[in-house]
PDB file of N, CA and C in Angstrom:
ATOM      1  N   UNK A   1       0.823  -1.191   0.000  1.00  0.00           N
ATOM      2  CA  UNK A   1       0.000   0.000   0.000  1.00  0.00           C
ATOM      3  C   UNK A   1       0.863   1.250   0.000  1.00  0.00           C
ATOM      4  N   UNK A   2       1.983   1.195   0.711  1.00  0.00           N
ATOM      5  CA  UNK A   2       2.870   2.357   0.766  1.00  0.00           C
ATOM      6  C   UNK A   2       3.402   2.693  -0.623  1.00  0.00           C
ATOM      7  N   UNK A   3       3.736   1.681  -1.403  1.00  0.00           N
ATOM      8  CA  UNK A   3       4.228   1.929  -2.758  1.00  0.00           C
ATOM      9  C   UNK A   3       3.158   2.595  -3.617  1.00  0.00           C
ATOM     10  N   UNK A   4       1.938   2.125  -3.494  1.00  0.00           N
ATOM     11  CA  UNK A   4       0.837   2.712  -4.264  1.00  0.00           C
ATOM     12  C   UNK A   4       0.622   4.166  -3.852  1.00  0.00           C
ATOM     13  N   UNK A   5       0.703   4.441  -2.565  1.00  0.00           N
ATOM     14  CA  UNK A   5       0.518   5.806  -2.084  1.00  0.00           C
ATOM     15  C   UNK A   5       1.630   6.733  -2.563  1.00  0.00           C
ATOM     16  N   UNK A   6       2.801   6.173  -2.814  1.00  0.00           N
ATOM     17  CA  UNK A   6       3.928   6.963  -3.314  1.00  0.00           C
ATOM     18  C   UNK A   6       3.880   7.095  -4.840  1.00  0.00           C
ATOM     19  N   UNK A   7       2.883   6.485  -5.462  1.00  0.00           N
ATOM     20  CA  UNK A   7       2.771   6.547  -6.911  1.00  0.00           C
ATOM     21  C   UNK A   7       3.603   5.510  -7.640  1.00  0.00           C
ATOM     22  N   UNK A   8       4.196   4.593  -6.915  1.00  0.00           N
ATOM     23  CA  UNK A   8       5.007   3.521  -7.510  1.00  0.00           C
ATOM     24  C   UNK A   8       4.091   2.347  -7.844  1.00  0.00           C
ATOM     25  N   UNK A   9       3.202   2.594  -8.794  1.00  0.00           N
ATOM     26  CA  UNK A   9       2.129   1.646  -9.068  1.00  0.00           C
ATOM     27  C   UNK A   9       2.625   0.335  -9.661  1.00  0.00           C
ATOM     28  N   UNK A  10       3.631   0.376 -10.520  1.00  0.00           N
ATOM     29  CA  UNK A  10       4.157  -0.866 -11.091  1.00  0.00           C
ATOM     30  C   UNK A  10       4.702  -1.780 -10.000  1.00  0.00           C
ATOM     31  N   UNK A  11       5.412  -1.201  -9.045  1.00  0.00           N
ATOM     32  CA  UNK A  11       5.939  -2.002  -7.937  1.00  0.00           C
ATOM     33  C   UNK A  11       4.814  -2.514  -7.046  1.00  0.00           C
ATOM     34  N   UNK A  12       3.830  -1.658  -6.790  1.00  0.00           N
ATOM     35  CA  UNK A  12       2.696  -2.072  -5.962  1.00  0.00           C
ATOM     36  C   UNK A  12       1.952  -3.226  -6.621  1.00  0.00           C
ATOM     37  N   UNK A  13       1.754  -3.136  -7.926  1.00  0.00           N
ATOM     38  CA  UNK A  13       1.064  -4.205  -8.654  1.00  0.00           C
ATOM     39  C   UNK A  13       1.836  -5.516  -8.525  1.00  0.00           C
ATOM     40  N   UNK A  14       3.148  -5.444  -8.620  1.00  0.00           N
ATOM     41  CA  UNK A  14       3.963  -6.655  -8.485  1.00  0.00           C
ATOM     42  C   UNK A  14       3.779  -7.288  -7.102  1.00  0.00           C
ATOM     43  N   UNK A  15       3.767  -6.465  -6.061  1.00  0.00           N
ATOM     44  CA  UNK A  15       3.600  -7.003  -4.706  1.00  0.00           C
ATOM     45  C   UNK A  15       2.178  -7.523  -4.470  1.00  0.00           C
ATOM     46  N   UNK A  16       1.172  -6.808  -4.959  1.00  0.00           N
ATOM     47  CA  UNK A  16      -0.198  -7.300  -4.808  1.00  0.00           C
ATOM     48  C   UNK A  16      -0.366  -8.631  -5.547  1.00  0.00           C
ATOM     49  N   UNK A  17       0.227  -8.720  -6.732  1.00  0.00           N
ATOM     50  CA  UNK A  17       0.139  -9.962  -7.520  1.00  0.00           C
ATOM     51  C   UNK A  17       0.830 -11.105  -6.793  1.00  0.00           C
ATOM     52  N   UNK A  18       1.964 -10.814  -6.194  1.00  0.00           N
ATOM     53  CA  UNK A  18       2.682 -11.832  -5.424  1.00  0.00           C
ATOM     54  C   UNK A  18       1.849 -12.286  -4.226  1.00  0.00           C
ATOM     55  N   UNK A  19       1.212 -11.346  -3.556  1.00  0.00           N
ATOM     56  CA  UNK A  19       0.348 -11.697  -2.420  1.00  0.00           C
ATOM     57  C   UNK A  19      -0.782 -12.617  -2.877  1.00  0.00           C
ATOM     58  N   UNK A  20      -1.317 -12.352  -4.068  1.00  0.00           N
ATOM     59  CA  UNK A  20      -2.421 -13.177  -4.570  1.00  0.00           C
ATOM     60  C   UNK A  20      -1.951 -14.556  -5.025  1.00  0.00           C
ATOM     61  N   UNK A  21      -0.679 -14.685  -5.406  1.00  0.00           N
ATOM     62  CA  UNK A  21      -0.139 -16.010  -5.709  1.00  0.00           C
ATOM     63  C   UNK A  21      -0.086 -16.853  -4.445  1.00  0.00           C
ATOM     64  N   UNK A  22       0.237 -16.204  -3.337  1.00  0.00           N
ATOM     65  CA  UNK A  22       0.324 -16.898  -2.054  1.00  0.00           C
ATOM     66  C   UNK A  22      -1.072 -17.173  -1.491  1.00  0.00           C
ATOM     67  N   UNK A  23      -1.953 -16.190  -1.606  1.00  0.00           N
ATOM     68  CA  UNK A  23      -3.302 -16.296  -1.031  1.00  0.00           C
ATOM     69  C   UNK A  23      -4.317 -15.774  -2.058  1.00  0.00           C
ATOM     70  N   UNK A  24      -4.712 -16.630  -3.024  1.00  0.00           N
ATOM     71  CA  UNK A  24      -5.573 -16.190  -4.126  1.00  0.00           C
ATOM     72  C   UNK A  24      -6.954 -15.682  -3.706  1.00  0.00           C
ATOM     73  N   UNK A  25      -7.400 -16.040  -2.538  1.00  0.00           N
ATOM     74  CA  UNK A  25      -8.732 -15.628  -2.091  1.00  0.00           C
ATOM     75  C   UNK A  25      -8.694 -14.411  -1.167  1.00  0.00           C
ATOM     76  N   UNK A  26      -7.654 -13.621  -1.276  1.00  0.00           N
ATOM     77  CA  UNK A  26      -7.466 -12.430  -0.444  1.00  0.00           C
ATOM     78  C   UNK A  26      -8.184 -11.254  -1.111  1.00  0.00           C
ATOM     79  N   UNK A  27      -9.417 -11.031  -0.702  1.00  0.00           N
ATOM     80  CA  UNK A  27     -10.274 -10.031  -1.339  1.00  0.00           C
ATOM     81  C   UNK A  27      -9.671  -8.631  -1.272  1.00  0.00           C
ATOM     82  N   UNK A  28      -9.060  -8.285  -0.162  1.00  0.00           N
ATOM     83  CA  UNK A  28      -8.499  -6.943  -0.013  1.00  0.00           C
ATOM     84  C   UNK A  28      -7.348  -6.723  -1.003  1.00  0.00           C
ATOM     85  N   UNK A  29      -6.547  -7.746  -1.251  1.00  0.00           N
ATOM     86  CA  UNK A  29      -5.462  -7.618  -2.227  1.00  0.00           C
ATOM     87  C   UNK A  29      -6.030  -7.440  -3.634  1.00  0.00           C
ATOM     88  N   UNK A  30      -7.122  -8.142  -3.938  1.00  0.00           N
ATOM     89  CA  UNK A  30      -7.772  -7.941  -5.242  1.00  0.00           C
ATOM     90  C   UNK A  30      -8.269  -6.499  -5.367  1.00  0.00           C
ATOM     91  N   UNK A  31      -8.866  -5.986  -4.320  1.00  0.00           N
ATOM     92  CA  UNK A  31      -9.351  -4.609  -4.348  1.00  0.00           C
ATOM     93  C   UNK A  31      -8.199  -3.629  -4.535  1.00  0.00           C
ATOM     94  N   UNK A  32      -7.129  -3.807  -3.762  1.00  0.00           N
ATOM     95  CA  UNK A  32      -5.982  -2.911  -3.869  1.00  0.00           C
ATOM     96  C   UNK A  32      -5.337  -2.989  -5.251  1.00  0.00           C
ATOM     97  N   UNK A  33      -5.266  -4.188  -5.795  1.00  0.00           N
ATOM     98  CA  UNK A  33      -4.720  -4.355  -7.139  1.00  0.00           C
ATOM     99  C   UNK A  33      -5.614  -3.663  -8.161  1.00  0.00           C
ATOM    100  N   UNK A  34      -6.913  -3.772  -7.967  1.00  0.00           N
ATOM    101  CA  UNK A  34      -7.847  -3.074  -8.841  1.00  0.00           C
ATOM    102  C   UNK A  34      -7.658  -1.572  -8.796  1.00  0.00           C
ATOM    103  N   UNK A  35      -7.434  -1.034  -7.615  1.00  0.00           N
ATOM    104  CA  UNK A  35      -7.207   0.411  -7.476  1.00  0.00           C
ATOM    105  C   UNK A  35      -5.946   0.816  -8.239  1.00  0.00           C
ATOM    106  N   UNK A  36      -4.893   0.042  -8.100  1.00  0.00           N
ATOM    107  CA  UNK A  36      -3.645   0.364  -8.795  1.00  0.00           C
ATOM    108  C   UNK A  36      -3.843   0.331 -10.310  1.00  0.00           C
ATOM    109  N   UNK A  37      -4.528  -0.710 -10.803  1.00  0.00           N
ATOM    110  CA  UNK A  37      -4.789  -0.790 -12.250  1.00  0.00           C
ATOM    111  C   UNK A  37      -5.643   0.394 -12.709  1.00  0.00           C
ATOM    112  N   UNK A  38      -6.628   0.751 -11.923  1.00  0.00           N
ATOM    113  CA  UNK A  38      -7.501   1.878 -12.293  1.00  0.00           C
ATOM    114  C   UNK A  38      -6.693   3.170 -12.363  1.00  0.00           C
ATOM    115  N   UNK A  39      -5.793   3.367 -11.427  1.00  0.00           N
ATOM    116  CA  UNK A  39      -4.972   4.584 -11.434  1.00  0.00           C
ATOM    117  C   UNK A  39      -4.075   4.647 -12.661  1.00  0.00           C
ATOM    118  N   UNK A  40      -3.743   3.480 -13.215  1.00  0.00           N
ATOM    119  CA  UNK A  40      -2.945   3.432 -14.442  1.00  0.00           C
ATOM    120  C   UNK A  40      -3.826   3.536 -15.696  1.00  0.00           C
ATOM    121  N   UNK A  41      -5.151   3.566 -15.488  1.00  0.00           N
ATOM    122  CA  UNK A  41      -6.064   3.652 -16.620  1.00  0.00           C
ATOM    123  C   UNK A  41      -6.394   2.314 -17.241  1.00  0.00           C
ATOM    124  N   UNK A  42      -5.992   1.230 -16.603  1.00  0.00           N
ATOM    125  CA  UNK A  42      -6.267  -0.126 -17.101  1.00  0.00           C
ATOM    126  C   UNK A  42      -7.574  -0.617 -16.468  1.00  0.00           C
ATOM    127  N   UNK A  43      -8.670  -0.098 -16.995  1.00  0.00           N
ATOM    128  CA  UNK A  43      -9.970  -0.338 -16.360  1.00  0.00           C
ATOM    129  C   UNK A  43     -10.439  -1.781 -16.476  1.00  0.00           C
ATOM    130  N   UNK A  44     -10.121  -2.464 -17.559  1.00  0.00           N
ATOM    131  CA  UNK A  44     -10.528  -3.871 -17.666  1.00  0.00           C
ATOM    132  C   UNK A  44      -9.882  -4.707 -16.570  1.00  0.00           C
ATOM    133  N   UNK A  45      -8.595  -4.470 -16.336  1.00  0.00           N
ATOM    134  CA  UNK A  45      -7.888  -5.176 -15.257  1.00  0.00           C
ATOM    135  C   UNK A  45      -8.502  -4.815 -13.903  1.00  0.00           C
ATOM    136  N   UNK A  46      -8.756  -3.526 -13.710  1.00  0.00           N
ATOM    137  CA  UNK A  46      -9.331  -3.059 -12.442  1.00  0.00           C
ATOM    138  C   UNK A  46     -10.682  -3.706 -12.192  1.00  0.00           C
ATOM    139  N   UNK A  47     -11.541  -3.695 -13.200  1.00  0.00           N
ATOM    140  CA  UNK A  47     -12.887  -4.258 -13.063  1.00  0.00           C
ATOM    141  C   UNK A  47     -12.814  -5.740 -12.729  1.00  0.00           C
ATOM    142  N   UNK A  48     -11.899  -6.448 -13.354  1.00  0.00           N
ATOM    143  CA  UNK A  48     -11.751  -7.885 -13.070  1.00  0.00           C
ATOM    144  C   UNK A  48     -11.381  -8.113 -11.604  1.00  0.00           C
ATOM    145  N   UNK A  49     -10.484  -7.302 -11.063  1.00  0.00           N
ATOM    146  CA  UNK A  49     -10.063  -7.512  -9.669  1.00  0.00           C
ATOM    147  C   UNK A  49     -11.124  -7.038  -8.673  1.00  0.00           C
ATOM    148  N   UNK A  50     -11.809  -5.949  -8.974  1.00  0.00           N
ATOM    149  CA  UNK A  50     -12.904  -5.536  -8.090  1.00  0.00           C
ATOM    150  C   UNK A  50     -14.004  -6.607  -8.073  1.00  0.00           C
ATOM    151  N   UNK A  51     -14.302  -7.150  -9.240  1.00  0.00           N
ATOM    152  CA  UNK A  51     -15.329  -8.197  -9.343  1.00  0.00           C
ATOM    153  C   UNK A  51     -14.929  -9.434  -8.551  1.00  0.00           C
ATOM    154  N   UNK A  52     -13.659  -9.811  -8.641  1.00  0.00           N
ATOM    155  CA  UNK A  52     -13.180 -10.972  -7.887  1.00  0.00           C
ATOM    156  C   UNK A  52     -13.235 -10.709  -6.387  1.00  0.00           C
ATOM    157  N   UNK A  53     -12.884  -9.509  -5.971  1.00  0.00           N
ATOM    158  CA  UNK A  53     -12.977  -9.169  -4.547  1.00  0.00           C
ATOM    159  C   UNK A  53     -14.410  -9.321  -4.060  1.00  0.00           C
ATOM    160  N   UNK A  54     -15.360  -8.896  -4.876  1.00  0.00           N
ATOM    161  CA  UNK A  54     -16.773  -9.010  -4.487  1.00  0.00           C
ATOM    162  C   UNK A  54     -17.271 -10.451  -4.533  1.00  0.00           C
ATOM    163  N   UNK A  55     -16.750 -11.227  -5.462  1.00  0.00           N
ATOM    164  CA  UNK A  55     -17.131 -12.638  -5.512  1.00  0.00           C
ATOM    165  C   UNK A  55     -16.671 -13.336  -4.233  1.00  0.00           C
ATOM    166  N   UNK A  56     -15.473 -12.980  -3.787  1.00  0.00           N
ATOM    167  CA  UNK A  56     -14.921 -13.592  -2.588  1.00  0.00           C
ATOM    168  C   UNK A  56     -15.570 -13.070  -1.311  1.00  0.00           C
ATOM    169  N   UNK A  57     -15.923 -11.790  -1.315  1.00  0.00           N
ATOM    170  CA  UNK A  57     -16.512 -11.137  -0.128  1.00  0.00           C
ATOM    171  C   UNK A  57     -17.650 -10.239  -0.591  1.00  0.00           C
ATOM    172  N   UNK A  58     -18.851 -10.795  -0.776  1.00  0.00           N
ATOM    173  CA  UNK A  58     -19.965 -10.033  -1.349  1.00  0.00           C
ATOM    174  C   UNK A  58     -20.313  -8.747  -0.610  1.00  0.00           C
ATOM    175  N   UNK A  59     -20.048  -8.642   0.647  1.00  0.00           N
ATOM    176  CA  UNK A  59     -20.383  -7.451   1.409  1.00  0.00           C
ATOM    177  C   UNK A  59     -19.264  -6.421   1.462  1.00  0.00           C
ATOM    178  N   UNK A  60     -18.259  -6.555   0.645  1.00  0.00           N
ATOM    179  CA  UNK A  60     -17.087  -5.680   0.655  1.00  0.00           C
ATOM    180  C   UNK A  60     -17.456  -4.358  -0.021  1.00  0.00           C
ATOM    181  N   UNK A  61     -17.894  -3.383   0.791  1.00  0.00           N
ATOM    182  CA  UNK A  61     -18.425  -2.127   0.259  1.00  0.00           C
ATOM    183  C   UNK A  61     -17.393  -1.306  -0.499  1.00  0.00           C
ATOM    184  N   UNK A  62     -16.172  -1.298  -0.049  1.00  0.00           N
ATOM    185  CA  UNK A  62     -15.131  -0.539  -0.739  1.00  0.00           C
ATOM    186  C   UNK A  62     -14.920  -1.087  -2.154  1.00  0.00           C
ATOM    187  N   UNK A  63     -14.899  -2.403  -2.287  1.00  0.00           N
ATOM    188  CA  UNK A  63     -14.738  -3.020  -3.606  1.00  0.00           C
ATOM    189  C   UNK A  63     -15.958  -2.744  -4.476  1.00  0.00           C
ATOM    190  N   UNK A  64     -17.135  -2.764  -3.878  1.00  0.00           N
ATOM    191  CA  UNK A  64     -18.371  -2.482  -4.637  1.00  0.00           C
ATOM    192  C   UNK A  64     -18.349  -1.042  -5.160  1.00  0.00           C
ATOM    193  N   UNK A  65     -17.932  -0.113  -4.322  1.00  0.00           N
ATOM    194  CA  UNK A  65     -17.845   1.285  -4.736  1.00  0.00           C
ATOM    195  C   UNK A  65     -16.790   1.464  -5.834  1.00  0.00           C
ATOM    196  N   UNK A  66     -15.639   0.831  -5.644  1.00  0.00           N
ATOM    197  CA  UNK A  66     -14.575   0.929  -6.645  1.00  0.00           C
ATOM    198  C   UNK A  66     -15.012   0.328  -7.974  1.00  0.00           C
ATOM    199  N   UNK A  67     -15.740  -0.782  -7.920  1.00  0.00           N
ATOM    200  CA  UNK A  67     -16.241  -1.394  -9.145  1.00  0.00           C
ATOM    201  C   UNK A  67     -17.209  -0.454  -9.859  1.00  0.00           C
ATOM    202  N   UNK A  68     -18.103   0.159  -9.098  1.00  0.00           N
ATOM    203  CA  UNK A  68     -19.069   1.084  -9.701  1.00  0.00           C
ATOM    204  C   UNK A  68     -18.350   2.252 -10.368  1.00  0.00           C
ATOM    205  N   UNK A  69     -17.343   2.796  -9.715  1.00  0.00           N
ATOM    206  CA  UNK A  69     -16.590   3.915 -10.292  1.00  0.00           C
ATOM    207  C   UNK A  69     -15.845   3.490 -11.559  1.00  0.00           C
ATOM    208  N   UNK A  70     -15.247   2.309 -11.528  1.00  0.00           N
ATOM    209  CA  UNK A  70     -14.508   1.825 -12.697  1.00  0.00           C
ATOM    210  C   UNK A  70     -15.453   1.550 -13.859  1.00  0.00           C
ATOM    211  N   UNK A  71     -16.616   0.978 -13.569  1.00  0.00           N
ATOM    212  CA  UNK A  71     -17.594   0.721 -14.631  1.00  0.00           C
ATOM    213  C   UNK A  71     -18.100   2.033 -15.225  1.00  0.00           C
ATOM    214  N   UNK A  72     -18.322   3.019 -14.375  1.00  0.00           N
ATOM    215  CA  UNK A  72     -18.774   4.320 -14.863  1.00  0.00           C
ATOM    216  C   UNK A  72     -17.718   4.951 -15.757  1.00  0.00           C
ATOM    217  N   UNK A  73     -16.474   4.892 -15.334  1.00  0.00           N
ATOM    218  CA  UNK A  73     -15.388   5.468 -16.126  1.00  0.00           C
ATOM    219  C   UNK A  73     -15.226   4.716 -17.454  1.00  0.00           C
ATOM    220  N   UNK A  74     -15.325   3.397 -17.409  1.00  0.00           N
ATOM    221  CA  UNK A  74     -15.218   2.605 -18.633  1.00  0.00           C
ATOM    222  C   UNK A  74     -16.354   2.937 -19.586  1.00  0.00           C
ATOM    223  N   UNK A  75     -17.532   3.169 -19.046  1.00  0.00           N
ATOM    224  CA  UNK A  75     -18.689   3.537 -19.862  1.00  0.00           C
ATOM    225  C   UNK A  75     -18.460   4.873 -20.548  1.00  0.00           C
ATOM    226  N   UNK A  76     -17.873   5.819 -19.837  1.00  0.00           N
ATOM    227  CA  UNK A  76     -17.569   7.123 -20.429  1.00  0.00           C
ATOM    228  C   UNK A  76     -16.585   6.972 -21.588  1.00  0.00           C
ATOM    229  N   UNK A  77     -15.589   6.117 -21.406  1.00  0.00           N
ATOM    230  CA  UNK A  77     -14.613   5.900 -22.465  1.00  0.00           C
ATOM    231  C   UNK A  77     -15.257   5.243 -23.674  1.00  0.00           C
ATOM    232  N   UNK A  78     -16.136   4.274 -23.419  1.00  0.00           N
ATOM    233  CA  UNK A  78     -16.850   3.612 -24.515  1.00  0.00           C
ATOM    234  C   UNK A  78     -17.696   4.612 -25.276  1.00  0.00           C
ATOM    235  N   UNK A  79     -18.389   5.482 -24.557  1.00  0.00           N
ATOM    236  CA  UNK A  79     -19.266   6.476 -25.197  1.00  0.00           C
ATOM    237  C   UNK A  79     -18.455   7.447 -26.040  1.00  0.00           C
ATOM    238  N   UNK A  80     -17.274   7.833 -25.574  1.00  0.00           N
ATOM    239  CA  UNK A  80     -16.493   8.825 -26.308  1.00  0.00           C
ATOM    240  C   UNK A  80     -15.863   8.246 -27.561  1.00  0.00           C
ATOM    241  N   UNK A  81     -15.742   6.926 -27.640  1.00  0.00           N
ATOM    242  CA  UNK A  81     -15.134   6.321 -28.826  1.00  0.00           C
ATOM    243  C   UNK A  81     -16.168   5.974 -29.887  1.00  0.00           C
ATOM    244  N   UNK A  82     -17.430   6.106 -29.573  1.00  0.00           N
ATOM    245  CA  UNK A  82     -18.479   5.839 -30.553  1.00  0.00           C
ATOM    246  C   UNK A  82     -18.638   7.027 -31.487  1.00  0.00           C
ATOM    247  N   UNK A  83     -18.870   6.759 -32.752  1.00  0.00           N
ATOM    248  CA  UNK A  83     -19.096   7.885 -33.660  1.00  0.00           C
ATOM    249  C   UNK A  83     -20.412   8.592 -33.346  1.00  0.00           C
ATOM    250  N   UNK A  84     -20.424   9.882 -33.620  1.00  0.00           N
ATOM    251  CA  UNK A  84     -21.633  10.646 -33.402  1.00  0.00           C
ATOM    252  C   UNK A  84     -22.701  10.222 -34.417  1.00  0.00           C
ATOM    253  N   UNK A  85     -23.963  10.185 -33.999  1.00  0.00           N
ATOM    254  CA  UNK A  85     -25.011   9.800 -34.943  1.00  0.00           C
ATOM    255  C   UNK A  85     -25.143  10.848 -36.053  1.00  0.00           C
ATOM    256  N   UNK A  86     -25.499  10.359 -37.227  1.00  0.00           N
ATOM    257  CA  UNK A  86     -25.695  11.271 -38.362  1.00  0.00           C
ATOM    258  C   UNK A  86     -27.009  12.007 -38.189  1.00  0.00           C
ATOM    259  N   UNK A  87     -27.044  13.308 -38.562  1.00  0.00           N
ATOM    260  CA  UNK A  87     -28.282  14.092 -38.410  1.00  0.00           C
ATOM    261  C   UNK A  87     -29.364  13.654 -39.385  1.00  0.00           C
TER     262      UNK A  87
END
C-alpha cells in the first residue's frame, strides 16, 4: 500500500500480484490491485479484480464502490469512442 501511495504503481502491482499467488482468495489484495490498475487507466484489469474481490466477499463495500466507479469510467470511455449519430 505504501508503494501505491507513493505513486510507484508498477511495484505495488507486483507485490499485490505476489500476495495473490500466495493467497488467491485475499479479497483486499484484489481490491488494492484493482485500485492500482484503475490509477494506471487499465480499467478492464481493475474491473476484473474488483469483481473478484466481491465474488470472494460479497459485502465488501469498498470493492463495490470501486467497481461502480470503474464501470462508470469505462462507460464514459466507450461512449467517447463511438461515432456521433448522423443528423
